[in-house]
C-alpha atoms as a PDB file:
ATOM      1  CA  TYR A   1       3.166 -16.160   7.374  1.00  0.00           C
ATOM      2  CA  ILE A   2       4.865 -16.070   3.978  1.00  0.00           C
ATOM      3  CA  ILE A   3       8.365 -16.118   5.422  1.00  0.00           C
ATOM      4  CA  PHE A   4       8.006 -18.815   8.075  1.00  0.00           C
ATOM      5  CA  ILE A   5       5.132 -21.119   7.137  1.00  0.00           C
ATOM      6  CA  LEU A   6       4.498 -21.032   3.386  1.00  0.00           C
ATOM      7  CA  ASN A   7       6.588 -23.489   1.387  1.00  0.00           C
ATOM      8  CA  ILE A   8       8.066 -21.190  -1.272  1.00  0.00           C
ATOM      9  CA  PRO A   9      11.608 -20.729  -2.594  1.00  0.00           C
ATOM     10  CA  LEU A  10      14.150 -18.969  -0.381  1.00  0.00           C
ATOM     11  CA  SER A  11      14.487 -16.067  -2.845  1.00  0.00           C
ATOM     12  CA  TYR A  12      10.752 -15.299  -2.440  1.00  0.00           C
ATOM     13  CA  LYS A  13      11.082 -15.470   1.353  1.00  0.00           C
ATOM     14  CA  ILE A  14      13.990 -13.021   1.242  1.00  0.00           C
ATOM     15  CA  PHE A  15      12.040 -10.727  -1.092  1.00  0.00           C
ATOM     16  CA  PHE A  16       8.959 -10.710   1.157  1.00  0.00           C
ATOM     17  CA  GLY A  17      11.153 -10.284   4.232  1.00  0.00           C
ATOM     18  CA  VAL A  18      12.730  -7.176   2.712  1.00  0.00           C
ATOM     19  CA  ILE A  19       9.263  -5.843   1.828  1.00  0.00           C
ATOM     20  CA  PHE A  20       8.095  -6.456   5.405  1.00  0.00           C
ATOM     21  CA  VAL A  21      11.103  -4.609   6.838  1.00  0.00           C
ATOM     22  CA  LEU A  22      10.541  -1.758   4.345  1.00  0.00           C
ATOM     23  CA  ILE A  23       6.886  -1.449   5.377  1.00  0.00           C
ATOM     24  CA  ILE A  24       7.833  -1.377   9.073  1.00  0.00           C
ATOM     25  CA  PHE A  25      10.495   1.239   8.308  1.00  0.00           C
ATOM     26  CA  LEU A  26       8.018   3.424   6.407  1.00  0.00           C
ATOM     27  CA  ILE A  27       5.470   3.186   9.224  1.00  0.00           C
ATOM     28  CA  ALA A  28       8.137   4.132  11.768  1.00  0.00           C
ATOM     29  CA  LEU A  29       9.305   7.000   9.533  1.00  0.00           C
ATOM     30  CA  PHE A  30       5.734   8.258   9.243  1.00  0.00           C
ATOM     31  CA  ILE A  31       5.175   8.140  12.997  1.00  0.00           C
ATOM     32  CA  PHE A  32       8.520   9.841  13.625  1.00  0.00           C
ATOM     33  CA  THR A  33       7.809  12.593  11.114  1.00  0.00           C
ATOM     34  CA  VAL A  34       4.305  13.206  12.412  1.00  0.00           C
ATOM     35  CA  PHE A  35       5.582  13.818  15.928  1.00  0.00           C
ATOM     36  CA  ASN A  36       8.907  15.493  15.043  1.00  0.00           C
ATOM     37  CA  GLU A  37      10.243  18.028  12.584  1.00  0.00           C
ATOM     38  CA  PHE A  38      10.622  16.326   9.190  1.00  0.00           C
ATOM     39  CA  LYS A  39      13.615  18.436   8.140  1.00  0.00           C
ATOM     40  CA  SER A  40      15.739  16.971  10.921  1.00  0.00           C
ATOM     41  CA  ILE A  41      15.913  13.590   9.227  1.00  0.00           C
ATOM     42  CA  GLY A  42      17.888  14.897   6.263  1.00  0.00           C
ATOM     43  CA  PHE A  43      15.588  13.087   3.854  1.00  0.00           C
ATOM     44  CA  VAL A  44      14.274  16.357   2.477  1.00  0.00           C
ATOM     45  CA  LYS A  45      17.750  17.512   1.498  1.00  0.00           C
ATOM     46  CA  TRP A  46      18.409  14.196  -0.239  1.00  0.00           C
ATOM     47  CA  ALA A  47      15.000  14.020  -1.940  1.00  0.00           C
ATOM     48  CA  TYR A  48      15.430  17.450  -3.528  1.00  0.00           C
ATOM     49  CA  PHE A  49      17.967  15.981  -5.934  1.00  0.00           C
ATOM     50  CA  ILE A  50      15.404  13.623  -7.471  1.00  0.00           C
ATOM     51  CA  PRO A  51      14.782  15.058 -10.970  1.00  0.00           C
ATOM     52  CA  PHE A  52      10.976  15.371 -10.833  1.00  0.00           C
ATOM     53  CA  VAL A  53      11.194  17.059  -7.410  1.00  0.00           C
ATOM     54  CA  LYS A  54      13.724  19.589  -8.738  1.00  0.00           C
ATOM     55  CA  LYS A  55      11.420  20.392 -11.666  1.00  0.00           C
ATOM     56  CA  ARG A  56       8.450  21.065  -9.411  1.00  0.00           C
ATOM     57  CA  TYR A  57      10.229  23.221  -6.806  1.00  0.00           C
ATOM     58  CA  ARG A  58      12.575  26.020  -7.848  1.00  0.00           C
ATOM     59  CA  THR A  59      14.671  25.937  -4.670  1.00  0.00           C
ATOM     60  CA  LYS A  60      15.500  23.446  -1.961  1.00  0.00           C
ATOM     61  CA  LYS A  61      14.012  25.855   0.589  1.00  0.00           C
ATOM     62  CA  ALA A  62      10.647  25.857  -1.258  1.00  0.00           C
ATOM     63  CA  PHE A  63      10.650  22.054  -1.250  1.00  0.00           C
ATOM     64  CA  GLU A  64      11.547  21.917   2.463  1.00  0.00           C
ATOM     65  CA  ASP A  65       8.760  24.370   3.285  1.00  0.00           C
ATOM     66  CA  ALA A  66       6.199  22.399   1.259  1.00  0.00           C
ATOM     67  CA  VAL A  67       7.188  19.121   2.906  1.00  0.00           C
ATOM     68  CA  SER A  68       7.168  20.705   6.363  1.00  0.00           C
ATOM     69  CA  ARG A  69       3.703  22.181   5.775  1.00  0.00           C
ATOM     70  CA  SER A  70       2.369  18.860   4.512  1.00  0.00           C
ATOM     71  CA  PHE A  71       3.701  16.878   7.449  1.00  0.00           C
ATOM     72  CA  LYS A  72       2.592  19.524   9.917  1.00  0.00           C
ATOM     73  CA  ASN A  73      -0.952  19.258   8.505  1.00  0.00           C
ATOM     74  CA  ILE A  74      -0.823  15.461   8.606  1.00  0.00           C
ATOM     75  CA  GLY A  75       0.434  15.562  12.196  1.00  0.00           C
ATOM     76  CA  GLU A  76      -2.278  17.973  13.314  1.00  0.00           C
ATOM     77  CA  THR A  77      -5.000  15.903  11.671  1.00  0.00           C
ATOM     78  CA  PHE A  78      -3.568  12.701  13.118  1.00  0.00           C
ATOM     79  CA  ARG A  79      -3.471  14.174  16.620  1.00  0.00           C
ATOM     80  CA  GLU A  80      -7.022  15.534  16.263  1.00  0.00           C
ATOM     81  CA  VAL A  81      -8.364  12.149  15.206  1.00  0.00           C
ATOM     82  CA  ILE A  82      -6.536  10.360  18.031  1.00  0.00           C
ATOM     83  CA  LYS A  83      -7.919  12.821  20.602  1.00  0.00           C
ATOM     84  CA  ASN A  84     -11.510  12.549  19.370  1.00  0.00           C
ATOM     85  CA  LYS A  85     -12.585   9.014  20.284  1.00  0.00           C
ATOM     86  CA  ASP A  86     -15.700   9.045  18.062  1.00  0.00           C
ATOM     87  CA  LYS A  87     -13.733  10.081  14.953  1.00  0.00           C
ATOM     88  CA  PHE A  88     -11.036   7.537  15.744  1.00  0.00           C
ATOM     89  CA  ILE A  89     -13.501   4.651  16.145  1.00  0.00           C
ATOM     90  CA  PHE A  90     -15.426   5.725  13.029  1.00  0.00           C
ATOM     91  CA  GLY A  91     -12.161   5.822  11.061  1.00  0.00           C
ATOM     92  CA  ILE A  92     -11.151   2.365  12.278  1.00  0.00           C
ATOM     93  CA  ILE A  93     -14.566   0.922  11.357  1.00  0.00           C
ATOM     94  CA  CYS A  94     -14.485   2.534   7.892  1.00  0.00           C
ATOM     95  CA  SER A  95     -10.930   1.326   7.293  1.00  0.00           C
ATOM     96  CA  PHE A  96     -11.801  -2.192   8.434  1.00  0.00           C
ATOM     97  CA  GLY A  97     -14.845  -2.214   6.144  1.00  0.00           C
ATOM     98  CA  PHE A  98     -12.805  -0.961   3.192  1.00  0.00           C
ATOM     99  CA  TRP A  99     -10.107  -3.599   3.593  1.00  0.00           C
ATOM    100  CA  ILE A 100     -12.487  -6.494   4.205  1.00  0.00           C
ATOM    101  CA  SER A 101     -14.499  -5.550   1.111  1.00  0.00           C
ATOM    102  CA  THR A 102     -11.274  -5.192  -0.875  1.00  0.00           C
ATOM    103  CA  PHE A 103     -10.104  -8.665   0.153  1.00  0.00           C
ATOM    104  CA  LEU A 104     -13.541 -10.198  -0.396  1.00  0.00           C
ATOM    105  CA  VAL A 105     -13.621  -9.069  -4.038  1.00  0.00           C
ATOM    106  CA  SER A 106     -10.611 -11.240  -4.885  1.00  0.00           C
ATOM    107  CA  TYR A 107     -11.764 -14.076  -2.648  1.00  0.00           C
ATOM    108  CA  VAL A 108     -15.215 -14.187  -4.272  1.00  0.00           C
ATOM    109  CA  LEU A 109     -13.595 -14.057  -7.717  1.00  0.00           C
ATOM    110  CA  PHE A 110     -11.530 -17.141  -6.840  1.00  0.00           C
ATOM    111  CA  ILE A 111     -14.673 -18.918  -5.661  1.00  0.00           C
ATOM    112  CA  ALA A 112     -16.498 -17.891  -8.860  1.00  0.00           C
ATOM    113  CA  LEU A 113     -13.655 -19.327 -10.934  1.00  0.00           C
ATOM    114  CA  GLY A 114     -13.784 -22.582  -8.967  1.00  0.00           C
ATOM    115  CA  VAL A 115     -10.498 -22.198  -7.121  1.00  0.00           C
ATOM    116  CA  LYS A 116     -10.317 -22.764  -3.378  1.00  0.00           C
ATOM    117  CA  THR A 117      -7.777 -20.290  -2.069  1.00  0.00           C
ATOM    118  CA  PRO A 118      -7.094 -19.637   1.608  1.00  0.00           C
ATOM    119  CA  PHE A 119      -8.329 -16.193   2.602  1.00  0.00           C
ATOM    120  CA  ILE A 120      -4.907 -15.416   4.101  1.00  0.00           C
ATOM    121  CA  PHE A 121      -3.354 -15.779   0.608  1.00  0.00           C
ATOM    122  CA  VAL A 122      -5.753 -13.145  -0.685  1.00  0.00           C
ATOM    123  CA  ILE A 123      -5.025 -10.821   2.240  1.00  0.00           C
ATOM    124  CA  ILE A 124      -1.265 -11.104   1.710  1.00  0.00           C
ATOM    125  CA  ALA A 125      -1.360 -10.722  -2.078  1.00  0.00           C
ATOM    126  CA  VAL A 126      -3.768  -7.784  -2.126  1.00  0.00           C
ATOM    127  CA  SER A 127      -1.981  -5.981   0.721  1.00  0.00           C
ATOM    128  CA  VAL A 128       1.422  -6.286  -0.929  1.00  0.00           C
ATOM    129  CA  GLY A 129      -0.129  -5.319  -4.280  1.00  0.00           C
ATOM    130  CA  TYR A 130      -1.603  -2.167  -2.774  1.00  0.00           C
ATOM    131  CA  PHE A 131       1.737  -1.346  -1.163  1.00  0.00           C
ATOM    132  CA  PHE A 132       3.565  -1.551  -4.498  1.00  0.00           C
ATOM    133  CA  GLY A 133       0.752   0.349  -6.214  1.00  0.00           C
ATOM    134  CA  ASP A 134       1.002   3.117  -3.628  1.00  0.00           C
ATOM    135  CA  ILE A 135       4.755   3.577  -3.972  1.00  0.00           C
ATOM    136  CA  SER A 136       4.848   3.236  -7.763  1.00  0.00           C
ATOM    137  CA  PRO A 137       5.223   6.303  -9.966  1.00  0.00           C
ATOM    138  CA  SER A 138       2.311   5.275 -12.202  1.00  0.00           C
ATOM    139  CA  PRO A 139      -1.075   6.908 -11.541  1.00  0.00           C
ATOM    140  CA  GLY A 140      -3.021   4.769  -9.101  1.00  0.00           C
ATOM    141  CA  GLY A 141      -0.340   2.096  -9.314  1.00  0.00           C
ATOM    142  CA  VAL A 142      -1.804   0.878 -12.607  1.00  0.00           C
ATOM    143  CA  GLY A 143       0.112  -2.132 -13.869  1.00  0.00           C
ATOM    144  CA  ILE A 144       2.425  -2.342 -10.870  1.00  0.00           C
ATOM    145  CA  MET A 145      -0.288  -3.405  -8.449  1.00  0.00           C
ATOM    146  CA  GLU A 146      -1.689  -6.038 -10.792  1.00  0.00           C
ATOM    147  CA  ALA A 147       1.781  -7.417 -11.527  1.00  0.00           C
ATOM    148  CA  ALA A 148       2.607  -7.656  -7.820  1.00  0.00           C
ATOM    149  CA  VAL A 149      -0.659  -9.423  -7.029  1.00  0.00           C
ATOM    150  CA  LEU A 150      -0.202 -11.783  -9.976  1.00  0.00           C
ATOM    151  CA  LEU A 151       3.360 -12.692  -8.970  1.00  0.00           C
ATOM    152  CA  ILE A 152       2.345 -13.355  -5.375  1.00  0.00           C
ATOM    153  CA  TYR A 153      -0.590 -15.551  -6.390  1.00  0.00           C
ATOM    154  CA  VAL A 154       1.656 -17.534  -8.744  1.00  0.00           C
ATOM    155  CA  ALA A 155       4.323 -17.846  -6.011  1.00  0.00           C
ATOM    156  CA  MET A 156       1.611 -19.300  -3.763  1.00  0.00           C
ATOM    157  CA  GLY A 157       0.880 -21.987  -6.323  1.00  0.00           C
ATOM    158  CA  ILE A 158      -2.195 -20.589  -8.056  1.00  0.00           C
ATOM    159  CA  ASN A 159      -2.570 -21.226 -11.778  1.00  0.00           C
ATOM    160  CA  PRO A 160      -1.166 -18.167 -13.658  1.00  0.00           C
ATOM    161  CA  GLU A 161      -4.250 -17.826 -15.890  1.00  0.00           C
ATOM    162  CA  ILE A 162      -6.582 -17.819 -12.896  1.00  0.00           C
ATOM    163  CA  ALA A 163      -4.276 -15.446 -11.002  1.00  0.00           C
ATOM    164  CA  LEU A 164      -4.177 -13.021 -13.933  1.00  0.00           C
ATOM    165  CA  SER A 165      -7.954 -13.161 -14.320  1.00  0.00           C
ATOM    166  CA  VAL A 166      -8.520 -12.456 -10.638  1.00  0.00           C
ATOM    167  CA  ALA A 167      -5.937  -9.645 -10.546  1.00  0.00           C
ATOM    168  CA  LEU A 168      -7.429  -7.862 -13.564  1.00  0.00           C
ATOM    169  CA  LEU A 169     -11.092  -8.430 -12.656  1.00  0.00           C
ATOM    170  CA  ASP A 170     -10.421  -7.282  -9.097  1.00  0.00           C
ATOM    171  CA  ARG A 171      -8.864  -4.077 -10.397  1.00  0.00           C
ATOM    172  CA  ILE A 172     -11.715  -3.429 -12.833  1.00  0.00           C
ATOM    173  CA  ILE A 173     -14.348  -4.002 -10.138  1.00  0.00           C
ATOM    174  CA  SER A 174     -12.460  -1.885  -7.597  1.00  0.00           C
ATOM    175  CA  LEU A 175     -11.954   1.008  -9.997  1.00  0.00           C
ATOM    176  CA  PHE A 176     -15.573   0.832 -11.167  1.00  0.00           C
ATOM    177  CA  TYR A 177     -16.897   1.181  -7.632  1.00  0.00           C
ATOM    178  CA  ARG A 178     -14.389   3.831  -6.588  1.00  0.00           C
ATOM    179  CA  ILE A 179     -15.052   5.970  -9.630  1.00  0.00           C
ATOM    180  CA  GLY A 180     -18.809   5.399  -9.378  1.00  0.00           C
ATOM    181  CA  LEU A 181     -19.008   6.129  -5.661  1.00  0.00           C
ATOM    182  CA  GLY A 182     -16.268   8.764  -5.591  1.00  0.00           C
END
């Protein structure tokens, strides 16, 4: 939607196109690693040279074993959920409910602030914000997620003050409920 329909500068379209390709690549990498041996990709050998990984694991073999164990556990859980239809459907319903409620928080905030924003804008901005928050090194994506959401809202033509208010209030509300319920 952003790349082909929305009237935004070419640099934004290229940026969002790269993000889309990166997301597809990460999903494919996850699926590949769940069903195959993770060590075979060579990523583990490369990732060991990242400074914070080297600090945590004394040897490359210890890091490879930890990654293999983690992905083996993820793969087993993934296969178990796929095989059990009730768990799979329950997971899909819970995930759908989580994401709809997450999108509705921002959408209702826009309505409360008197701004009519297409729901698809909210879905795109919040999804990309969560993606950047998830891959950021900061705990819980604090700061990164809000900045990403703010930049996307502004790129879509929303007033920067309103966009900042919605991004910060959304985060406060989301964290309040997650901490309270969790």
